[in-house]
Amino acid sequence: MDEASDFTTTDNPTAQDVAEIIAELEQYRERLVQETMETAKRAKLMRVNVMAKLEPELAKIDSALQELRNHQAALNLTN
């Protein structure tokens, strides 16, 4: 069994668990942008070009964050 199905079948995340995951993912997103921009600056790359390359990954992260927030809201409603 893979990890994803293992998580959904054996674990019932609490609202606190989801909040921690959201916080970690938000920190990852911020770190990704900061470190990428610092590296781009050292390499003398244009910010607009770097952000264009980074945007698809940021969109995936933002989508995951939204799903987690929706899940968290649903958990809070049931409690």
PDB file of N, CA and C in Angstrom:
ATOM      1  N   MET A   1       0.854  -1.186   0.000  1.00  0.00           N
ATOM      2  CA  MET A   1       0.000   0.000   0.000  1.00  0.00           C
ATOM      3  C   MET A   1       0.891   1.237   0.000  1.00  0.00           C
ATOM      4  N   ASP A   2       0.568   2.244  -0.795  1.00  0.00           N
ATOM      5  CA  ASP A   2       1.396   3.448  -0.831  1.00  0.00           C
ATOM      6  C   ASP A   2       1.056   4.377   0.322  1.00  0.00           C
ATOM      7  N   GLU A   3       1.909   5.383   0.525  1.00  0.00           N
ATOM      8  CA  GLU A   3       1.742   6.288   1.667  1.00  0.00           C
ATOM      9  C   GLU A   3       0.447   7.082   1.611  1.00  0.00           C
ATOM     10  N   ALA A   4       0.029   7.510   0.429  1.00  0.00           N
ATOM     11  CA  ALA A   4      -1.176   8.333   0.309  1.00  0.00           C
ATOM     12  C   ALA A   4      -2.407   7.555   0.751  1.00  0.00           C
ATOM     13  N   SER A   5      -2.548   6.332   0.268  1.00  0.00           N
ATOM     14  CA  SER A   5      -3.717   5.562   0.671  1.00  0.00           C
ATOM     15  C   SER A   5      -3.595   5.129   2.120  1.00  0.00           C
ATOM     16  N   ASP A   6      -2.382   4.919   2.587  1.00  0.00           N
ATOM     17  CA  ASP A   6      -2.153   4.580   3.981  1.00  0.00           C
ATOM     18  C   ASP A   6      -2.637   5.701   4.891  1.00  0.00           C
ATOM     19  N   PHE A   7      -2.355   6.943   4.499  1.00  0.00           N
ATOM     20  CA  PHE A   7      -2.768   8.100   5.286  1.00  0.00           C
ATOM     21  C   PHE A   7      -4.288   8.204   5.345  1.00  0.00           C
ATOM     22  N   THR A   8      -4.941   8.029   4.220  1.00  0.00           N
ATOM     23  CA  THR A   8      -6.382   8.231   4.187  1.00  0.00           C
ATOM     24  C   THR A   8      -7.148   7.108   4.854  1.00  0.00           C
ATOM     25  N   THR A   9      -6.592   5.909   4.889  1.00  0.00           N
ATOM     26  CA  THR A   9      -7.335   4.804   5.460  1.00  0.00           C
ATOM     27  C   THR A   9      -7.052   4.586   6.934  1.00  0.00           C
ATOM     28  N   THR A  10      -5.862   4.971   7.417  1.00  0.00           N
ATOM     29  CA  THR A  10      -5.528   4.672   8.802  1.00  0.00           C
ATOM     30  C   THR A  10      -5.502   5.892   9.700  1.00  0.00           C
ATOM     31  N   ASP A  11      -5.378   7.062   9.138  1.00  0.00           N
ATOM     32  CA  ASP A  11      -5.281   8.273   9.942  1.00  0.00           C
ATOM     33  C   ASP A  11      -6.513   9.141   9.727  1.00  0.00           C
ATOM     34  N   ASN A  12      -6.992   9.687  10.805  1.00  0.00           N
ATOM     35  CA  ASN A  12      -8.063  10.677  10.738  1.00  0.00           C
ATOM     36  C   ASN A  12      -7.484  11.970  11.285  1.00  0.00           C
ATOM     37  N   PRO A  13      -6.974  12.822  10.394  1.00  0.00           N
ATOM     38  CA  PRO A  13      -6.316  14.038  10.879  1.00  0.00           C
ATOM     39  C   PRO A  13      -7.299  14.956  11.603  1.00  0.00           C
ATOM     40  N   THR A  14      -6.807  15.534  12.670  1.00  0.00           N
ATOM     41  CA  THR A  14      -7.614  16.490  13.413  1.00  0.00           C
ATOM     42  C   THR A  14      -7.437  17.866  12.790  1.00  0.00           C
ATOM     43  N   ALA A  15      -8.251  18.807  13.218  1.00  0.00           N
ATOM     44  CA  ALA A  15      -8.129  20.185  12.734  1.00  0.00           C
ATOM     45  C   ALA A  15      -6.747  20.729  13.074  1.00  0.00           C
ATOM     46  N   GLN A  16      -6.206  20.337  14.226  1.00  0.00           N
ATOM     47  CA  GLN A  16      -4.867  20.789  14.625  1.00  0.00           C
ATOM     48  C   GLN A  16      -3.812  20.205  13.683  1.00  0.00           C
ATOM     49  N   ASP A  17      -3.957  18.927  13.313  1.00  0.00           N
ATOM     50  CA  ASP A  17      -3.021  18.311  12.367  1.00  0.00           C
ATOM     51  C   ASP A  17      -3.033  19.067  11.042  1.00  0.00           C
ATOM     52  N   VAL A  18      -4.216  19.378  10.557  1.00  0.00           N
ATOM     53  CA  VAL A  18      -4.350  20.087   9.282  1.00  0.00           C
ATOM     54  C   VAL A  18      -3.757  21.482   9.398  1.00  0.00           C
ATOM     55  N   ALA A  19      -3.976  22.146  10.530  1.00  0.00           N
ATOM     56  CA  ALA A  19      -3.413  23.490  10.743  1.00  0.00           C
ATOM     57  C   ALA A  19      -1.887  23.446  10.712  1.00  0.00           C
ATOM     58  N   GLU A  20      -1.297  22.409  11.299  1.00  0.00           N
ATOM     59  CA  GLU A  20       0.155  22.281  11.287  1.00  0.00           C
ATOM     60  C   GLU A  20       0.675  22.053   9.867  1.00  0.00           C
ATOM     61  N   ILE A  21      -0.030  21.242   9.099  1.00  0.00           N
ATOM     62  CA  ILE A  21       0.365  20.986   7.714  1.00  0.00           C
ATOM     63  C   ILE A  21       0.263  22.271   6.893  1.00  0.00           C
ATOM     64  N   ILE A  22      -0.802  23.033   7.116  1.00  0.00           N
ATOM     65  CA  ILE A  22      -0.976  24.311   6.410  1.00  0.00           C
ATOM     66  C   ILE A  22       0.183  25.243   6.735  1.00  0.00           C
ATOM     67  N   ALA A  23       0.531  25.351   8.011  1.00  0.00           N
ATOM     68  CA  ALA A  23       1.626  26.235   8.425  1.00  0.00           C
ATOM     69  C   ALA A  23       2.946  25.802   7.783  1.00  0.00           C
ATOM     70  N   GLU A  24       3.210  24.500   7.759  1.00  0.00           N
ATOM     71  CA  GLU A  24       4.444  24.007   7.157  1.00  0.00           C
ATOM     72  C   GLU A  24       4.472  24.274   5.654  1.00  0.00           C
ATOM     73  N   LEU A  25       3.348  24.086   4.990  1.00  0.00           N
ATOM     74  CA  LEU A  25       3.289  24.320   3.549  1.00  0.00           C
ATOM     75  C   LEU A  25       3.432  25.805   3.228  1.00  0.00           C
ATOM     76  N   GLU A  26       2.852  26.669   4.062  1.00  0.00           N
ATOM     77  CA  GLU A  26       3.019  28.113   3.878  1.00  0.00           C
ATOM     78  C   GLU A  26       4.483  28.518   4.056  1.00  0.00           C
ATOM     79  N   GLN A  27       5.159  27.925   5.050  1.00  0.00           N
ATOM     80  CA  GLN A  27       6.572  28.216   5.269  1.00  0.00           C
ATOM     81  C   GLN A  27       7.407  27.731   4.087  1.00  0.00           C
ATOM     82  N   TYR A  28       7.075  26.549   3.569  1.00  0.00           N
ATOM     83  CA  TYR A  28       7.785  26.019   2.413  1.00  0.00           C
ATOM     84  C   TYR A  28       7.627  26.950   1.214  1.00  0.00           C
ATOM     85  N   ARG A  29       6.403  27.422   0.984  1.00  0.00           N
ATOM     86  CA  ARG A  29       6.136  28.310  -0.145  1.00  0.00           C
ATOM     87  C   ARG A  29       6.972  29.583  -0.036  1.00  0.00           C
ATOM     88  N   GLU A  30       6.968  30.169   1.150  1.00  0.00           N
ATOM     89  CA  GLU A  30       7.721  31.405   1.372  1.00  0.00           C
ATOM     90  C   GLU A  30       9.217  31.176   1.183  1.00  0.00           C
ATOM     91  N   ARG A  31       9.716  30.067   1.734  1.00  0.00           N
ATOM     92  CA  ARG A  31      11.139  29.750   1.602  1.00  0.00           C
ATOM     93  C   ARG A  31      11.510  29.501   0.139  1.00  0.00           C
ATOM     94  N   LEU A  32      10.638  28.820  -0.591  1.00  0.00           N
ATOM     95  CA  LEU A  32      10.880  28.558  -2.013  1.00  0.00           C
ATOM     96  C   LEU A  32      11.032  29.859  -2.790  1.00  0.00           C
ATOM     97  N   VAL A  33      10.129  30.803  -2.558  1.00  0.00           N
ATOM     98  CA  VAL A  33      10.193  32.083  -3.253  1.00  0.00           C
ATOM     99  C   VAL A  33      11.461  32.844  -2.849  1.00  0.00           C
ATOM    100  N   GLN A  34      11.713  32.934  -1.558  1.00  0.00           N
ATOM    101  CA  GLN A  34      12.882  33.689  -1.083  1.00  0.00           C
ATOM    102  C   GLN A  34      14.189  33.120  -1.610  1.00  0.00           C
ATOM    103  N   GLU A  35      14.357  31.815  -1.479  1.00  0.00           N
ATOM    104  CA  GLU A  35      15.613  31.200  -1.904  1.00  0.00           C
ATOM    105  C   GLU A  35      15.785  31.265  -3.421  1.00  0.00           C
ATOM    106  N   THR A  36      14.691  31.093  -4.145  1.00  0.00           N
ATOM    107  CA  THR A  36      14.770  31.180  -5.602  1.00  0.00           C
ATOM    108  C   THR A  36      15.142  32.586  -6.036  1.00  0.00           C
ATOM    109  N   MET A  37      14.542  33.572  -5.407  1.00  0.00           N
ATOM    110  CA  MET A  37      14.841  34.959  -5.775  1.00  0.00           C
ATOM    111  C   MET A  37      16.266  35.347  -5.388  1.00  0.00           C
ATOM    112  N   GLU A  38      16.741  34.861  -4.248  1.00  0.00           N
ATOM    113  CA  GLU A  38      18.126  35.144  -3.848  1.00  0.00           C
ATOM    114  C   GLU A  38      19.105  34.538  -4.856  1.00  0.00           C
ATOM    115  N   THR A  39      18.836  33.309  -5.251  1.00  0.00           N
ATOM    116  CA  THR A  39      19.695  32.643  -6.232  1.00  0.00           C
ATOM    117  C   THR A  39      19.641  33.362  -7.573  1.00  0.00           C
ATOM    118  N   ALA A  40      18.449  33.757  -7.983  1.00  0.00           N
ATOM    119  CA  ALA A  40      18.290  34.481  -9.254  1.00  0.00           C
ATOM    120  C   ALA A  40      19.037  35.805  -9.222  1.00  0.00           C
ATOM    121  N   LYS A  41      18.996  36.477  -8.084  1.00  0.00           N
ATOM    122  CA  LYS A  41      19.702  37.757  -7.957  1.00  0.00           C
ATOM    123  C   LYS A  41      21.208  37.560  -8.103  1.00  0.00           C
ATOM    124  N   ARG A  42      21.720  36.510  -7.450  1.00  0.00           N
ATOM    125  CA  ARG A  42      23.163  36.226  -7.555  1.00  0.00           C
ATOM    126  C   ARG A  42      23.540  35.856  -8.987  1.00  0.00           C
ATOM    127  N   ALA A  43      22.633  35.191  -9.690  1.00  0.00           N
ATOM    128  CA  ALA A  43      22.891  34.791 -11.074  1.00  0.00           C
ATOM    129  C   ALA A  43      22.544  35.905 -12.058  1.00  0.00           C
ATOM    130  N   LYS A  44      22.055  37.010 -11.513  1.00  0.00           N
ATOM    131  CA  LYS A  44      21.682  38.178 -12.322  1.00  0.00           C
ATOM    132  C   LYS A  44      20.612  37.850 -13.355  1.00  0.00           C
ATOM    133  N   LEU A  45      19.611  37.093 -12.900  1.00  0.00           N
ATOM    134  CA  LEU A  45      18.464  36.777 -13.747  1.00  0.00           C
ATOM    135  C   LEU A  45      17.359  37.780 -13.475  1.00  0.00           C
ATOM    136  N   MET A  46      16.547  38.024 -14.480  1.00  0.00           N
ATOM    137  CA  MET A  46      15.444  38.978 -14.312  1.00  0.00           C
ATOM    138  C   MET A  46      14.346  38.356 -13.445  1.00  0.00           C
ATOM    139  N   ARG A  47      13.857  39.150 -12.500  1.00  0.00           N
ATOM    140  CA  ARG A  47      12.821  38.695 -11.573  1.00  0.00           C
ATOM    141  C   ARG A  47      11.582  38.190 -12.302  1.00  0.00           C
ATOM    142  N   VAL A  48      11.160  38.898 -13.328  1.00  0.00           N
ATOM    143  CA  VAL A  48       9.945  38.525 -14.049  1.00  0.00           C
ATOM    144  C   VAL A  48      10.103  37.148 -14.701  1.00  0.00           C
ATOM    145  N   ASN A  49      11.284  36.852 -15.228  1.00  0.00           N
ATOM    146  CA  ASN A  49      11.525  35.548 -15.849  1.00  0.00           C
ATOM    147  C   ASN A  49      11.537  34.427 -14.813  1.00  0.00           C
ATOM    148  N   VAL A  50      12.142  34.699 -13.681  1.00  0.00           N
ATOM    149  CA  VAL A  50      12.206  33.709 -12.606  1.00  0.00           C
ATOM    150  C   VAL A  50      10.802  33.413 -12.073  1.00  0.00           C
ATOM    151  N   MET A  51      10.027  34.455 -11.843  1.00  0.00           N
ATOM    152  CA  MET A  51       8.662  34.265 -11.337  1.00  0.00           C
ATOM    153  C   MET A  51       7.790  33.517 -12.344  1.00  0.00           C
ATOM    154  N   ALA A  52       8.017  33.746 -13.626  1.00  0.00           N
ATOM    155  CA  ALA A  52       7.255  33.030 -14.652  1.00  0.00           C
ATOM    156  C   ALA A  52       7.541  31.532 -14.583  1.00  0.00           C
ATOM    157  N   LYS A  53       8.785  31.171 -14.317  1.00  0.00           N
ATOM    158  CA  LYS A  53       9.149  29.758 -14.184  1.00  0.00           C
ATOM    159  C   LYS A  53       8.641  29.164 -12.874  1.00  0.00           C
ATOM    160  N   LEU A  54       8.583  29.981 -11.845  1.00  0.00           N
ATOM    161  CA  LEU A  54       8.181  29.523 -10.519  1.00  0.00           C
ATOM    162  C   LEU A  54       6.663  29.448 -10.360  1.00  0.00           C
ATOM    163  N   GLU A  55       5.939  30.208 -11.130  1.00  0.00           N
ATOM    164  CA  GLU A  55       4.485  30.323 -10.963  1.00  0.00           C
ATOM    165  C   GLU A  55       3.731  28.994 -11.022  1.00  0.00           C
ATOM    166  N   PRO A  56       4.046  28.066 -11.923  1.00  0.00           N
ATOM    167  CA  PRO A  56       3.300  26.792 -11.922  1.00  0.00           C
ATOM    168  C   PRO A  56       3.434  26.032 -10.593  1.00  0.00           C
ATOM    169  N   GLU A  57       4.618  26.037 -10.026  1.00  0.00           N
ATOM    170  CA  GLU A  57       4.820  25.360  -8.742  1.00  0.00           C
ATOM    171  C   GLU A  57       4.067  26.080  -7.626  1.00  0.00           C
ATOM    172  N   LEU A  58       4.078  27.405  -7.652  1.00  0.00           N
ATOM    173  CA  LEU A  58       3.345  28.174  -6.645  1.00  0.00           C
ATOM    174  C   LEU A  58       1.846  27.933  -6.768  1.00  0.00           C
ATOM    175  N   ALA A  59       1.361  27.787  -7.985  1.00  0.00           N
ATOM    176  CA  ALA A  59      -0.062  27.511  -8.200  1.00  0.00           C
ATOM    177  C   ALA A  59      -0.440  26.162  -7.597  1.00  0.00           C
ATOM    178  N   LYS A  60       0.424  25.156  -7.738  1.00  0.00           N
ATOM    179  CA  LYS A  60       0.162  23.841  -7.138  1.00  0.00           C
ATOM    180  C   LYS A  60       0.110  23.949  -5.608  1.00  0.00           C
ATOM    181  N   ILE A  61       1.052  24.686  -5.055  1.00  0.00           N
ATOM    182  CA  ILE A  61       1.093  24.860  -3.601  1.00  0.00           C
ATOM    183  C   ILE A  61      -0.149  25.601  -3.126  1.00  0.00           C
ATOM    184  N   ASP A  62      -0.524  26.669  -3.831  1.00  0.00           N
ATOM    185  CA  ASP A  62      -1.710  27.440  -3.455  1.00  0.00           C
ATOM    186  C   ASP A  62      -2.971  26.586  -3.535  1.00  0.00           C
ATOM    187  N   SER A  63      -3.049  25.733  -4.533  1.00  0.00           N
ATOM    188  CA  SER A  63      -4.197  24.840  -4.680  1.00  0.00           C
ATOM    189  C   SER A  63      -4.265  23.849  -3.510  1.00  0.00           C
ATOM    190  N   ALA A  64      -3.122  23.291  -3.157  1.00  0.00           N
ATOM    191  CA  ALA A  64      -3.068  22.368  -2.029  1.00  0.00           C
ATOM    192  C   ALA A  64      -3.444  23.067  -0.728  1.00  0.00           C
ATOM    193  N   LEU A  65      -2.958  24.299  -0.569  1.00  0.00           N
ATOM    194  CA  LEU A  65      -3.311  25.070   0.630  1.00  0.00           C
ATOM    195  C   LEU A  65      -4.816  25.313   0.703  1.00  0.00           C
ATOM    196  N   GLN A  66      -5.426  25.634  -0.423  1.00  0.00           N
ATOM    197  CA  GLN A  66      -6.861  25.885  -0.426  1.00  0.00           C
ATOM    198  C   GLN A  66      -7.636  24.618  -0.063  1.00  0.00           C
ATOM    199  N   GLU A  67      -7.212  23.488  -0.603  1.00  0.00           N
ATOM    200  CA  GLU A  67      -7.867  22.223  -0.272  1.00  0.00           C
ATOM    201  C   GLU A  67      -7.732  21.922   1.222  1.00  0.00           C
ATOM    202  N   LEU A  68      -6.556  22.158   1.763  1.00  0.00           N
ATOM    203  CA  LEU A  68      -6.341  21.928   3.192  1.00  0.00           C
ATOM    204  C   LEU A  68      -7.194  22.862   4.040  1.00  0.00           C
ATOM    205  N   ARG A  69      -7.296  24.115   3.626  1.00  0.00           N
ATOM    206  CA  ARG A  69      -8.134  25.072   4.376  1.00  0.00           C
ATOM    207  C   ARG A  69      -9.601  24.657   4.328  1.00  0.00           C
ATOM    208  N   ASN A  70     -10.055  24.170   3.188  1.00  0.00           N
ATOM    209  CA  ASN A  70     -11.431  23.688   3.069  1.00  0.00           C
ATOM    210  C   ASN A  70     -11.651  22.486   3.981  1.00  0.00           C
ATOM    211  N   HIS A  71     -10.679  21.587   4.004  1.00  0.00           N
ATOM    212  CA  HIS A  71     -10.765  20.411   4.869  1.00  0.00           C
ATOM    213  C   HIS A  71     -10.781  20.822   6.338  1.00  0.00           C
ATOM    214  N   GLN A  72      -9.945  21.799   6.672  1.00  0.00           N
ATOM    215  CA  GLN A  72      -9.894  22.292   8.046  1.00  0.00           C
ATOM    216  C   GLN A  72     -11.238  22.916   8.446  1.00  0.00           C
ATOM    217  N   ALA A  73     -11.821  23.676   7.549  1.00  0.00           N
ATOM    218  CA  ALA A  73     -13.122  24.286   7.841  1.00  0.00           C
ATOM    219  C   ALA A  73     -14.184  23.221   8.059  1.00  0.00           C
ATOM    220  N   ALA A  74     -14.145  22.182   7.255  1.00  0.00           N
ATOM    221  CA  ALA A  74     -15.102  21.095   7.414  1.00  0.00           C
ATOM    222  C   ALA A  74     -14.912  20.382   8.753  1.00  0.00           C
ATOM    223  N   LEU A  75     -13.671  20.194   9.143  1.00  0.00           N
ATOM    224  CA  LEU A  75     -13.384  19.566  10.437  1.00  0.00           C
ATOM    225  C   LEU A  75     -13.879  20.444  11.586  1.00  0.00           C
ATOM    226  N   ASN A  76     -13.689  21.759  11.450  1.00  0.00           N
ATOM    227  CA  ASN A  76     -14.127  22.676  12.508  1.00  0.00           C
ATOM    228  C   ASN A  76     -15.647  22.701  12.633  1.00  0.00           C
ATOM    229  N   LEU A  77     -16.346  22.499  11.510  1.00  0.00           N
ATOM    230  CA  LEU A  77     -17.807  22.479  11.552  1.00  0.00           C
ATOM    231  C   LEU A  77     -18.342  21.240  12.262  1.00  0.00           C
ATOM    232  N   THR A  78     -17.619  20.127  12.135  1.00  0.00           N
ATOM    233  CA  THR A  78     -18.074  18.884  12.755  1.00  0.00           C
ATOM    234  C   THR A  78     -17.755  18.818  14.244  1.00  0.00           C
ATOM    235  N   ASN A  79     -16.876  19.704  14.698  1.00  0.00           N
ATOM    236  CA  ASN A  79     -16.500  19.693  16.123  1.00  0.00           C
ATOM    237  C   ASN A  79     -17.341  20.600  16.916  1.00  0.00           C
TER     238      ASN A  79
END
